[in-house]
Amino acid sequence: MKKIEAIVKPYKLEAVKEAVTALGIYGMTVTEVKGYGRQKGHTEQYRGAEFVVEFLPKVKLEIVVSDARVPGVTDAIRRAAMSNSIGDGKIFVQEVSGAIRIRTGETGDEAL
């Protein structure tokens, strides 16, 4: 099993959700986060004062899938989240050693 973490722009969340749901993935965890990468924030004006916004709002998605589903899910996320501009985000894939469904006690891929 693998855990896919994707950091995307907030307005792309619905498109990514639809893309992975179309693949039969019905569970994901979504967290509102802030961060920066190459875009390094930006400057804004508020009531005449200029200030730097260093951490930009993003959304982090966490999805655990079987090993065989990783290429399809990561490609669907990439295509749905892409806007061809800086700050589109990142996708990370990590090994998961196990999973247990609390309600039924199912383990491994059956717990997903």
PDB file of N, CA and C in Angstrom:
ATOM      1  N   MET A   1       0.838  -1.181   0.000  1.00  0.00           N
ATOM      2  CA  MET A   1       0.000   0.000   0.000  1.00  0.00           C
ATOM      3  C   MET A   1       0.880   1.241   0.000  1.00  0.00           C
ATOM      4  N   LYS A   2       0.341   2.288  -0.570  1.00  0.00           N
ATOM      5  CA  LYS A   2       1.057   3.565  -0.634  1.00  0.00           C
ATOM      6  C   LYS A   2       0.131   4.688  -0.175  1.00  0.00           C
ATOM      7  N   LYS A   3       0.732   5.695   0.437  1.00  0.00           N
ATOM      8  CA  LYS A   3       0.008   6.904   0.819  1.00  0.00           C
ATOM      9  C   LYS A   3       0.413   8.003  -0.148  1.00  0.00           C
ATOM     10  N   ILE A   4      -0.550   8.585  -0.811  1.00  0.00           N
ATOM     11  CA  ILE A   4      -0.310   9.676  -1.743  1.00  0.00           C
ATOM     12  C   ILE A   4      -0.694  10.969  -1.039  1.00  0.00           C
ATOM     13  N   GLU A   5       0.264  11.881  -0.932  1.00  0.00           N
ATOM     14  CA  GLU A   5      -0.001  13.212  -0.392  1.00  0.00           C
ATOM     15  C   GLU A   5       0.159  14.197  -1.536  1.00  0.00           C
ATOM     16  N   ALA A   6      -0.855  14.997  -1.746  1.00  0.00           N
ATOM     17  CA  ALA A   6      -0.803  16.000  -2.800  1.00  0.00           C
ATOM     18  C   ALA A   6      -1.087  17.370  -2.193  1.00  0.00           C
ATOM     19  N   ILE A   7      -0.244  18.335  -2.521  1.00  0.00           N
ATOM     20  CA  ILE A   7      -0.439  19.716  -2.108  1.00  0.00           C
ATOM     21  C   ILE A   7      -0.874  20.471  -3.357  1.00  0.00           C
ATOM     22  N   VAL A   8      -2.090  21.024  -3.348  1.00  0.00           N
ATOM     23  CA  VAL A   8      -2.632  21.675  -4.538  1.00  0.00           C
ATOM     24  C   VAL A   8      -3.251  23.019  -4.175  1.00  0.00           C
ATOM     25  N   LYS A   9      -3.547  23.805  -5.186  1.00  0.00           N
ATOM     26  CA  LYS A   9      -4.233  25.076  -4.986  1.00  0.00           C
ATOM     27  C   LYS A   9      -5.667  24.800  -4.530  1.00  0.00           C
ATOM     28  N   PRO A  10      -6.182  25.609  -3.606  1.00  0.00           N
ATOM     29  CA  PRO A  10      -7.519  25.346  -3.060  1.00  0.00           C
ATOM     30  C   PRO A  10      -8.626  25.273  -4.112  1.00  0.00           C
ATOM     31  N   TYR A  11      -8.562  26.091  -5.135  1.00  0.00           N
ATOM     32  CA  TYR A  11      -9.636  26.090  -6.123  1.00  0.00           C
ATOM     33  C   TYR A  11      -9.597  24.853  -7.029  1.00  0.00           C
ATOM     34  N   LYS A  12      -8.535  24.051  -6.925  1.00  0.00           N
ATOM     35  CA  LYS A  12      -8.428  22.818  -7.706  1.00  0.00           C
ATOM     36  C   LYS A  12      -8.948  21.595  -6.944  1.00  0.00           C
ATOM     37  N   LEU A  13      -9.346  21.769  -5.699  1.00  0.00           N
ATOM     38  CA  LEU A  13      -9.778  20.642  -4.877  1.00  0.00           C
ATOM     39  C   LEU A  13     -10.935  19.869  -5.500  1.00  0.00           C
ATOM     40  N   GLU A  14     -11.958  20.549  -5.947  1.00  0.00           N
ATOM     41  CA  GLU A  14     -13.130  19.861  -6.506  1.00  0.00           C
ATOM     42  C   GLU A  14     -12.774  19.079  -7.764  1.00  0.00           C
ATOM     43  N   ALA A  15     -11.927  19.643  -8.617  1.00  0.00           N
ATOM     44  CA  ALA A  15     -11.509  18.946  -9.836  1.00  0.00           C
ATOM     45  C   ALA A  15     -10.714  17.691  -9.501  1.00  0.00           C
ATOM     46  N   VAL A  16      -9.832  17.783  -8.504  1.00  0.00           N
ATOM     47  CA  VAL A  16      -9.042  16.616  -8.096  1.00  0.00           C
ATOM     48  C   VAL A  16      -9.958  15.556  -7.493  1.00  0.00           C
ATOM     49  N   LYS A  17     -10.890  15.969  -6.654  1.00  0.00           N
ATOM     50  CA  LYS A  17     -11.828  15.023  -6.040  1.00  0.00           C
ATOM     51  C   LYS A  17     -12.612  14.277  -7.112  1.00  0.00           C
ATOM     52  N   GLU A  18     -13.114  14.994  -8.109  1.00  0.00           N
ATOM     53  CA  GLU A  18     -13.863  14.351  -9.193  1.00  0.00           C
ATOM     54  C   GLU A  18     -12.984  13.382  -9.978  1.00  0.00           C
ATOM     55  N   ALA A  19     -11.729  13.763 -10.208  1.00  0.00           N
ATOM     56  CA  ALA A  19     -10.814  12.918 -10.985  1.00  0.00           C
ATOM     57  C   ALA A  19     -10.515  11.600 -10.272  1.00  0.00           C
ATOM     58  N   VAL A  20     -10.271  11.645  -8.969  1.00  0.00           N
ATOM     59  CA  VAL A  20      -9.963  10.396  -8.256  1.00  0.00           C
ATOM     60  C   VAL A  20     -11.222   9.583  -7.982  1.00  0.00           C
ATOM     61  N   THR A  21     -12.341  10.250  -7.798  1.00  0.00           N
ATOM     62  CA  THR A  21     -13.610   9.530  -7.613  1.00  0.00           C
ATOM     63  C   THR A  21     -13.969   8.761  -8.875  1.00  0.00           C
ATOM     64  N   ALA A  22     -13.667   9.332 -10.037  1.00  0.00           N
ATOM     65  CA  ALA A  22     -13.924   8.646 -11.307  1.00  0.00           C
ATOM     66  C   ALA A  22     -13.111   7.357 -11.423  1.00  0.00           C
ATOM     67  N   LEU A  23     -12.009   7.253 -10.671  1.00  0.00           N
ATOM     68  CA  LEU A  23     -11.184   6.045 -10.673  1.00  0.00           C
ATOM     69  C   LEU A  23     -11.650   5.031  -9.627  1.00  0.00           C
ATOM     70  N   GLY A  24     -12.699   5.386  -8.869  1.00  0.00           N
ATOM     71  CA  GLY A  24     -13.184   4.479  -7.839  1.00  0.00           C
ATOM     72  C   GLY A  24     -12.556   4.687  -6.477  1.00  0.00           C
ATOM     73  N   ILE A  25     -11.913   5.825  -6.281  1.00  0.00           N
ATOM     74  CA  ILE A  25     -11.334   6.166  -4.980  1.00  0.00           C
ATOM     75  C   ILE A  25     -12.357   7.031  -4.251  1.00  0.00           C
ATOM     76  N   TYR A  26     -12.862   6.528  -3.123  1.00  0.00           N
ATOM     77  CA  TYR A  26     -13.937   7.245  -2.429  1.00  0.00           C
ATOM     78  C   TYR A  26     -13.521   7.820  -1.084  1.00  0.00           C
ATOM     79  N   GLY A  27     -12.298   7.559  -0.649  1.00  0.00           N
ATOM     80  CA  GLY A  27     -11.860   8.089   0.622  1.00  0.00           C
ATOM     81  C   GLY A  27     -10.619   8.930   0.491  1.00  0.00           C
ATOM     82  N   MET A  28     -10.643  10.088   1.120  1.00  0.00           N
ATOM     83  CA  MET A  28      -9.462  10.942   1.166  1.00  0.00           C
ATOM     84  C   MET A  28      -9.587  11.861   2.365  1.00  0.00           C
ATOM     85  N   THR A  29      -8.457  12.306   2.848  1.00  0.00           N
ATOM     86  CA  THR A  29      -8.429  13.284   3.922  1.00  0.00           C
ATOM     87  C   THR A  29      -7.942  14.597   3.328  1.00  0.00           C
ATOM     88  N   VAL A  30      -8.626  15.684   3.670  1.00  0.00           N
ATOM     89  CA  VAL A  30      -8.289  17.002   3.134  1.00  0.00           C
ATOM     90  C   VAL A  30      -7.986  17.935   4.305  1.00  0.00           C
ATOM     91  N   THR A  31      -6.859  18.626   4.207  1.00  0.00           N
ATOM     92  CA  THR A  31      -6.447  19.567   5.237  1.00  0.00           C
ATOM     93  C   THR A  31      -6.093  20.896   4.577  1.00  0.00           C
ATOM     94  N   GLU A  32      -6.573  21.993   5.155  1.00  0.00           N
ATOM     95  CA  GLU A  32      -6.162  23.311   4.675  1.00  0.00           C
ATOM     96  C   GLU A  32      -4.805  23.620   5.296  1.00  0.00           C
ATOM     97  N   VAL A  33      -3.832  23.935   4.458  1.00  0.00           N
ATOM     98  CA  VAL A  33      -2.470  24.204   4.918  1.00  0.00           C
ATOM     99  C   VAL A  33      -1.970  25.502   4.304  1.00  0.00           C
ATOM    100  N   LYS A  34      -0.841  25.969   4.782  1.00  0.00           N
ATOM    101  CA  LYS A  34      -0.166  27.126   4.190  1.00  0.00           C
ATOM    102  C   LYS A  34       1.277  26.747   3.947  1.00  0.00           C
ATOM    103  N   GLY A  35       1.853  27.309   2.898  1.00  0.00           N
ATOM    104  CA  GLY A  35       3.246  27.020   2.608  1.00  0.00           C
ATOM    105  C   GLY A  35       3.738  27.823   1.427  1.00  0.00           C
ATOM    106  N   TYR A  36       4.971  27.564   1.075  1.00  0.00           N
ATOM    107  CA  TYR A  36       5.529  28.195  -0.111  1.00  0.00           C
ATOM    108  C   TYR A  36       6.607  27.297  -0.689  1.00  0.00           C
ATOM    109  N   GLY A  37       6.853  27.503  -1.950  1.00  0.00           N
ATOM    110  CA  GLY A  37       7.904  26.793  -2.658  1.00  0.00           C
ATOM    111  C   GLY A  37       8.652  27.807  -3.488  1.00  0.00           C
ATOM    112  N   ARG A  38       8.725  27.548  -4.768  1.00  0.00           N
ATOM    113  CA  ARG A  38       9.443  28.471  -5.647  1.00  0.00           C
ATOM    114  C   ARG A  38       8.755  29.815  -5.790  1.00  0.00           C
ATOM    115  N   GLN A  39       7.446  29.869  -5.579  1.00  0.00           N
ATOM    116  CA  GLN A  39       6.753  31.147  -5.762  1.00  0.00           C
ATOM    117  C   GLN A  39       7.028  32.131  -4.633  1.00  0.00           C
ATOM    118  N   LYS A  40       7.452  31.645  -3.470  1.00  0.00           N
ATOM    119  CA  LYS A  40       7.942  32.478  -2.364  1.00  0.00           C
ATOM    120  C   LYS A  40       6.993  33.579  -1.927  1.00  0.00           C
ATOM    121  N   GLY A  41       5.704  33.390  -2.024  1.00  0.00           N
ATOM    122  CA  GLY A  41       4.758  34.381  -1.542  1.00  0.00           C
ATOM    123  C   GLY A  41       4.613  35.568  -2.471  1.00  0.00           C
ATOM    124  N   HIS A  42       3.982  36.628  -1.954  1.00  0.00           N
ATOM    125  CA  HIS A  42       3.769  37.831  -2.748  1.00  0.00           C
ATOM    126  C   HIS A  42       3.495  39.010  -1.826  1.00  0.00           C
ATOM    127  N   THR A  43       3.469  40.208  -2.394  1.00  0.00           N
ATOM    128  CA  THR A  43       3.218  41.430  -1.639  1.00  0.00           C
ATOM    129  C   THR A  43       1.790  41.887  -1.883  1.00  0.00           C
ATOM    130  N   GLU A  44       1.108  42.341  -0.807  1.00  0.00           N
ATOM    131  CA  GLU A  44      -0.259  42.846  -0.920  1.00  0.00           C
ATOM    132  C   GLU A  44      -0.365  44.197  -0.246  1.00  0.00           C
ATOM    133  N   GLN A  45      -1.394  44.942  -0.614  1.00  0.00           N
ATOM    134  CA  GLN A  45      -1.700  46.226   0.006  1.00  0.00           C
ATOM    135  C   GLN A  45      -2.972  46.069   0.840  1.00  0.00           C
ATOM    136  N   TYR A  46      -2.966  46.569   2.079  1.00  0.00           N
ATOM    137  CA  TYR A  46      -4.155  46.555   2.912  1.00  0.00           C
ATOM    138  C   TYR A  46      -4.232  47.877   3.647  1.00  0.00           C
ATOM    139  N   ARG A  47      -5.275  48.664   3.367  1.00  0.00           N
ATOM    140  CA  ARG A  47      -5.483  49.980   3.974  1.00  0.00           C
ATOM    141  C   ARG A  47      -4.244  50.859   3.858  1.00  0.00           C
ATOM    142  N   GLY A  48      -3.664  50.839   2.688  1.00  0.00           N
ATOM    143  CA  GLY A  48      -2.518  51.690   2.405  1.00  0.00           C
ATOM    144  C   GLY A  48      -1.176  51.140   2.846  1.00  0.00           C
ATOM    145  N   ALA A  49      -1.193  50.081   3.604  1.00  0.00           N
ATOM    146  CA  ALA A  49       0.066  49.497   4.065  1.00  0.00           C
ATOM    147  C   ALA A  49       0.414  48.288   3.201  1.00  0.00           C
ATOM    148  N   GLU A  50       1.679  48.162   2.896  1.00  0.00           N
ATOM    149  CA  GLU A  50       2.148  47.040   2.087  1.00  0.00           C
ATOM    150  C   GLU A  50       2.717  45.965   3.016  1.00  0.00           C
ATOM    151  N   PHE A  51       2.346  44.720   2.775  1.00  0.00           N
ATOM    152  CA  PHE A  51       2.899  43.636   3.579  1.00  0.00           C
ATOM    153  C   PHE A  51       3.142  42.418   2.704  1.00  0.00           C
ATOM    154  N   VAL A  52       4.027  41.540   3.174  1.00  0.00           N
ATOM    155  CA  VAL A  52       4.424  40.363   2.421  1.00  0.00           C
ATOM    156  C   VAL A  52       3.655  39.150   2.943  1.00  0.00           C
ATOM    157  N   VAL A  53       3.026  38.430   2.026  1.00  0.00           N
ATOM    158  CA  VAL A  53       2.368  37.173   2.359  1.00  0.00           C
ATOM    159  C   VAL A  53       3.351  36.068   1.977  1.00  0.00           C
ATOM    160  N   GLU A  54       4.003  35.494   2.984  1.00  0.00           N
ATOM    161  CA  GLU A  54       5.029  34.487   2.715  1.00  0.00           C
ATOM    162  C   GLU A  54       4.437  33.095   2.540  1.00  0.00           C
ATOM    163  N   PHE A  55       3.415  32.769   3.327  1.00  0.00           N
ATOM    164  CA  PHE A  55       2.804  31.450   3.272  1.00  0.00           C
ATOM    165  C   PHE A  55       1.469  31.542   2.550  1.00  0.00           C
ATOM    166  N   LEU A  56       1.361  30.824   1.456  1.00  0.00           N
ATOM    167  CA  LEU A  56       0.164  30.864   0.630  1.00  0.00           C
ATOM    168  C   LEU A  56      -0.781  29.719   0.986  1.00  0.00           C
ATOM    169  N   PRO A  57      -2.093  29.959   0.893  1.00  0.00           N
ATOM    170  CA  PRO A  57      -3.038  28.888   1.218  1.00  0.00           C
ATOM    171  C   PRO A  57      -2.985  27.771   0.185  1.00  0.00           C
ATOM    172  N   LYS A  58      -2.956  26.544   0.682  1.00  0.00           N
ATOM    173  CA  LYS A  58      -2.955  25.343  -0.157  1.00  0.00           C
ATOM    174  C   LYS A  58      -3.884  24.329   0.483  1.00  0.00           C
ATOM    175  N   VAL A  59      -4.104  23.226  -0.208  1.00  0.00           N
ATOM    176  CA  VAL A  59      -4.887  22.117   0.318  1.00  0.00           C
ATOM    177  C   VAL A  59      -4.026  20.861   0.219  1.00  0.00           C
ATOM    178  N   LYS A  60      -3.983  20.095   1.309  1.00  0.00           N
ATOM    179  CA  LYS A  60      -3.238  18.831   1.301  1.00  0.00           C
ATOM    180  C   LYS A  60      -4.236  17.678   1.288  1.00  0.00           C
ATOM    181  N   LEU A  61      -4.092  16.809   0.302  1.00  0.00           N
ATOM    182  CA  LEU A  61      -4.926  15.617   0.181  1.00  0.00           C
ATOM    183  C   LEU A  61      -4.098  14.412   0.575  1.00  0.00           C
ATOM    184  N   GLU A  62      -4.692  13.504   1.314  1.00  0.00           N
ATOM    185  CA  GLU A  62      -4.024  12.256   1.673  1.00  0.00           C
ATOM    186  C   GLU A  62      -4.931  11.106   1.249  1.00  0.00           C
ATOM    187  N   ILE A  63      -4.380  10.211   0.451  1.00  0.00           N
ATOM    188  CA  ILE A  63      -5.139   9.077  -0.078  1.00  0.00           C
ATOM    189  C   ILE A  63      -4.250   7.842   0.043  1.00  0.00           C
ATOM    190  N   VAL A  64      -4.785   6.756   0.611  1.00  0.00           N
ATOM    191  CA  VAL A  64      -4.047   5.499   0.691  1.00  0.00           C
ATOM    192  C   VAL A  64      -4.664   4.537  -0.315  1.00  0.00           C
ATOM    193  N   VAL A  65      -3.809   3.971  -1.174  1.00  0.00           N
ATOM    194  CA  VAL A  65      -4.271   3.070  -2.232  1.00  0.00           C
ATOM    195  C   VAL A  65      -3.358   1.855  -2.313  1.00  0.00           C
ATOM    196  N   SER A  66      -3.826   0.820  -3.003  1.00  0.00           N
ATOM    197  CA  SER A  66      -2.973  -0.344  -3.254  1.00  0.00           C
ATOM    198  C   SER A  66      -1.857   0.071  -4.219  1.00  0.00           C
ATOM    199  N   ASP A  67      -0.763  -0.666  -4.198  1.00  0.00           N
ATOM    200  CA  ASP A  67       0.398  -0.339  -5.035  1.00  0.00           C
ATOM    201  C   ASP A  67       0.030  -0.212  -6.513  1.00  0.00           C
ATOM    202  N   ALA A  68      -0.856  -1.079  -6.988  1.00  0.00           N
ATOM    203  CA  ALA A  68      -1.210  -1.094  -8.408  1.00  0.00           C
ATOM    204  C   ALA A  68      -1.950   0.168  -8.839  1.00  0.00           C
ATOM    205  N   ARG A  69      -2.602   0.852  -7.913  1.00  0.00           N
ATOM    206  CA  ARG A  69      -3.406   2.027  -8.270  1.00  0.00           C
ATOM    207  C   ARG A  69      -2.623   3.330  -8.255  1.00  0.00           C
ATOM    208  N   VAL A  70      -1.403   3.312  -7.755  1.00  0.00           N
ATOM    209  CA  VAL A  70      -0.622   4.546  -7.599  1.00  0.00           C
ATOM    210  C   VAL A  70      -0.435   5.308  -8.909  1.00  0.00           C
ATOM    211  N   PRO A  71       0.023   4.683 -10.013  1.00  0.00           N
ATOM    212  CA  PRO A  71       0.227   5.466 -11.239  1.00  0.00           C
ATOM    213  C   PRO A  71      -1.038   6.149 -11.744  1.00  0.00           C
ATOM    214  N   GLY A  72      -2.164   5.462 -11.724  1.00  0.00           N
ATOM    215  CA  GLY A  72      -3.409   6.055 -12.206  1.00  0.00           C
ATOM    216  C   GLY A  72      -3.881   7.204 -11.341  1.00  0.00           C
ATOM    217  N   VAL A  73      -3.777   7.037 -10.018  1.00  0.00           N
ATOM    218  CA  VAL A  73      -4.240   8.081  -9.100  1.00  0.00           C
ATOM    219  C   VAL A  73      -3.334   9.304  -9.171  1.00  0.00           C
ATOM    220  N   THR A  74      -2.019   9.100  -9.171  1.00  0.00           N
ATOM    221  CA  THR A  74      -1.116  10.252  -9.235  1.00  0.00           C
ATOM    222  C   THR A  74      -1.261  10.998 -10.560  1.00  0.00           C
ATOM    223  N   ASP A  75      -1.474  10.277 -11.652  1.00  0.00           N
ATOM    224  CA  ASP A  75      -1.669  10.936 -12.940  1.00  0.00           C
ATOM    225  C   ASP A  75      -2.983  11.725 -12.958  1.00  0.00           C
ATOM    226  N   ALA A  76      -4.035  11.177 -12.374  1.00  0.00           N
ATOM    227  CA  ALA A  76      -5.320  11.880 -12.317  1.00  0.00           C
ATOM    228  C   ALA A  76      -5.208  13.146 -11.488  1.00  0.00           C
ATOM    229  N   ILE A  77      -4.502  13.066 -10.362  1.00  0.00           N
ATOM    230  CA  ILE A  77      -4.303  14.257  -9.524  1.00  0.00           C
ATOM    231  C   ILE A  77      -3.513  15.311 -10.286  1.00  0.00           C
ATOM    232  N   ARG A  78      -2.427  14.884 -10.934  1.00  0.00           N
ATOM    233  CA  ARG A  78      -1.582  15.833 -11.674  1.00  0.00           C
ATOM    234  C   ARG A  78      -2.359  16.541 -12.766  1.00  0.00           C
ATOM    235  N   ARG A  79      -3.124  15.775 -13.542  1.00  0.00           N
ATOM    236  CA  ARG A  79      -3.885  16.387 -14.639  1.00  0.00           C
ATOM    237  C   ARG A  79      -4.959  17.340 -14.112  1.00  0.00           C
ATOM    238  N   ALA A  80      -5.635  16.972 -13.031  1.00  0.00           N
ATOM    239  CA  ALA A  80      -6.717  17.802 -12.501  1.00  0.00           C
ATOM    240  C   ALA A  80      -6.196  19.061 -11.808  1.00  0.00           C
ATOM    241  N   ALA A  81      -5.023  18.978 -11.187  1.00  0.00           N
ATOM    242  CA  ALA A  81      -4.493  20.110 -10.416  1.00  0.00           C
ATOM    243  C   ALA A  81      -3.651  21.063 -11.250  1.00  0.00           C
ATOM    244  N   MET A  82      -3.272  20.661 -12.454  1.00  0.00           N
ATOM    245  CA  MET A  82      -2.353  21.457 -13.263  1.00  0.00           C
ATOM    246  C   MET A  82      -3.026  22.688 -13.860  1.00  0.00           C
ATOM    247  N   SER A  83      -2.367  23.831 -13.693  1.00  0.00           N
ATOM    248  CA  SER A  83      -2.819  25.064 -14.342  1.00  0.00           C
ATOM    249  C   SER A  83      -1.693  25.667 -15.177  1.00  0.00           C
ATOM    250  N   ASN A  84      -0.566  24.970 -15.262  1.00  0.00           N
ATOM    251  CA  ASN A  84       0.617  25.427 -15.991  1.00  0.00           C
ATOM    252  C   ASN A  84       1.183  26.732 -15.455  1.00  0.00           C
ATOM    253  N   SER A  85       0.997  26.980 -14.160  1.00  0.00           N
ATOM    254  CA  SER A  85       1.601  28.156 -13.555  1.00  0.00           C
ATOM    255  C   SER A  85       2.339  27.747 -12.292  1.00  0.00           C
ATOM    256  N   ILE A  86       3.255  28.587 -11.884  1.00  0.00           N
ATOM    257  CA  ILE A  86       4.047  28.288 -10.700  1.00  0.00           C
ATOM    258  C   ILE A  86       3.116  28.144  -9.498  1.00  0.00           C
ATOM    259  N   GLY A  87       3.425  27.210  -8.616  1.00  0.00           N
ATOM    260  CA  GLY A  87       2.613  27.002  -7.424  1.00  0.00           C
ATOM    261  C   GLY A  87       1.516  25.970  -7.586  1.00  0.00           C
ATOM    262  N   ASP A  88       1.548  25.185  -8.668  1.00  0.00           N
ATOM    263  CA  ASP A  88       0.526  24.156  -8.870  1.00  0.00           C
ATOM    264  C   ASP A  88       0.569  23.088  -7.788  1.00  0.00           C
ATOM    265  N   GLY A  89       1.728  22.836  -7.194  1.00  0.00           N
ATOM    266  CA  GLY A  89       1.802  21.900  -6.084  1.00  0.00           C
ATOM    267  C   GLY A  89       2.761  20.755  -6.301  1.00  0.00           C
ATOM    268  N   LYS A  90       2.660  19.765  -5.419  1.00  0.00           N
ATOM    269  CA  LYS A  90       3.534  18.595  -5.436  1.00  0.00           C
ATOM    270  C   LYS A  90       2.712  17.366  -5.074  1.00  0.00           C
ATOM    271  N   ILE A  91       3.222  16.205  -5.499  1.00  0.00           N
ATOM    272  CA  ILE A  91       2.648  14.921  -5.113  1.00  0.00           C
ATOM    273  C   ILE A  91       3.769  14.086  -4.512  1.00  0.00           C
ATOM    274  N   PHE A  92       3.513  13.512  -3.338  1.00  0.00           N
ATOM    275  CA  PHE A  92       4.469  12.652  -2.656  1.00  0.00           C
ATOM    276  C   PHE A  92       3.850  11.270  -2.499  1.00  0.00           C
ATOM    277  N   VAL A  93       4.655  10.236  -2.675  1.00  0.00           N
ATOM    278  CA  VAL A  93       4.189   8.858  -2.515  1.00  0.00           C
ATOM    279  C   VAL A  93       5.066   8.200  -1.454  1.00  0.00           C
ATOM    280  N   GLN A  94       4.409   7.629  -0.428  1.00  0.00           N
ATOM    281  CA  GLN A  94       5.125   6.987   0.677  1.00  0.00           C
ATOM    282  C   GLN A  94       4.613   5.571   0.885  1.00  0.00           C
ATOM    283  N   GLU A  95       5.471   4.734   1.422  1.00  0.00           N
ATOM    284  CA  GLU A  95       5.099   3.366   1.760  1.00  0.00           C
ATOM    285  C   GLU A  95       4.224   3.367   3.017  1.00  0.00           C
ATOM    286  N   VAL A  96       3.187   2.527   3.020  1.00  0.00           N
ATOM    287  CA  VAL A  96       2.337   2.325   4.195  1.00  0.00           C
ATOM    288  C   VAL A  96       2.469   0.861   4.590  1.00  0.00           C
ATOM    289  N   SER A  97       2.814   0.610   5.835  1.00  0.00           N
ATOM    290  CA  SER A  97       3.057  -0.771   6.259  1.00  0.00           C
ATOM    291  C   SER A  97       1.783  -1.523   6.620  1.00  0.00           C
ATOM    292  N   GLY A  98       0.704  -0.801   6.869  1.00  0.00           N
ATOM    293  CA  GLY A  98      -0.539  -1.492   7.190  1.00  0.00           C
ATOM    294  C   GLY A  98      -1.702  -0.540   7.355  1.00  0.00           C
ATOM    295  N   ALA A  99      -2.909  -1.120   7.329  1.00  0.00           N
ATOM    296  CA  ALA A  99      -4.132  -0.351   7.549  1.00  0.00           C
ATOM    297  C   ALA A  99      -5.150  -1.266   8.218  1.00  0.00           C
ATOM    298  N   ILE A 100      -5.942  -0.691   9.116  1.00  0.00           N
ATOM    299  CA  ILE A 100      -6.984  -1.444   9.809  1.00  0.00           C
ATOM    300  C   ILE A 100      -8.258  -0.614   9.799  1.00  0.00           C
ATOM    301  N   ARG A 101      -9.352  -1.214   9.334  1.00  0.00           N
ATOM    302  CA  ARG A 101     -10.657  -0.542   9.399  1.00  0.00           C
ATOM    303  C   ARG A 101     -11.180  -0.737  10.816  1.00  0.00           C
ATOM    304  N   ILE A 102     -11.410   0.330  11.523  1.00  0.00           N
ATOM    305  CA  ILE A 102     -11.804   0.267  12.930  1.00  0.00           C
ATOM    306  C   ILE A 102     -13.134  -0.467  13.106  1.00  0.00           C
ATOM    307  N   ARG A 103     -14.120  -0.168  12.292  1.00  0.00           N
ATOM    308  CA  ARG A 103     -15.458  -0.734  12.453  1.00  0.00           C
ATOM    309  C   ARG A 103     -15.480  -2.249  12.315  1.00  0.00           C
ATOM    310  N   THR A 104     -14.773  -2.797  11.300  1.00  0.00           N
ATOM    311  CA  THR A 104     -14.871  -4.229  10.996  1.00  0.00           C
ATOM    312  C   THR A 104     -13.633  -5.035  11.364  1.00  0.00           C
ATOM    313  N   GLY A 105     -12.520  -4.353  11.570  1.00  0.00           N
ATOM    314  CA  GLY A 105     -11.278  -5.059  11.859  1.00  0.00           C
ATOM    315  C   GLY A 105     -10.552  -5.554  10.615  1.00  0.00           C
ATOM    316  N   GLU A 106     -11.070  -5.235   9.416  1.00  0.00           N
ATOM    317  CA  GLU A 106     -10.402  -5.621   8.176  1.00  0.00           C
ATOM    318  C   GLU A 106      -9.012  -4.994   8.142  1.00  0.00           C
ATOM    319  N   THR A 107      -8.071  -5.715   7.517  1.00  0.00           N
ATOM    320  CA  THR A 107      -6.703  -5.221   7.437  1.00  0.00           C
ATOM    321  C   THR A 107      -6.218  -5.211   5.993  1.00  0.00           C
ATOM    322  N   GLY A 108      -5.103  -4.507   5.769  1.00  0.00           N
ATOM    323  CA  GLY A 108      -4.483  -4.456   4.452  1.00  0.00           C
ATOM    324  C   GLY A 108      -5.367  -3.763   3.427  1.00  0.00           C
ATOM    325  N   ASP A 109      -5.283  -4.244   2.178  1.00  0.00           N
ATOM    326  CA  ASP A 109      -6.052  -3.637   1.090  1.00  0.00           C
ATOM    327  C   ASP A 109      -7.555  -3.682   1.332  1.00  0.00           C
ATOM    328  N   GLU A 110      -8.038  -4.705   2.057  1.00  0.00           N
ATOM    329  CA  GLU A 110      -9.479  -4.793   2.337  1.00  0.00           C
ATOM    330  C   GLU A 110      -9.955  -3.642   3.215  1.00  0.00           C
ATOM    331  N   ALA A 111      -9.058  -3.064   4.005  1.00  0.00           N
ATOM    332  CA  ALA A 111      -9.415  -1.951   4.881  1.00  0.00           C
ATOM    333  C   ALA A 111      -9.563  -0.635   4.124  1.00  0.00           C
ATOM    334  N   LEU A 112      -9.077  -0.593   2.900  1.00  0.00           N
ATOM    335  CA  LEU A 112      -9.160   0.637   2.128  1.00  0.00           C
ATOM    336  C   LEU A 112     -10.536   0.785   1.553  1.00  0.00           C
TER     337      LEU A 112
END
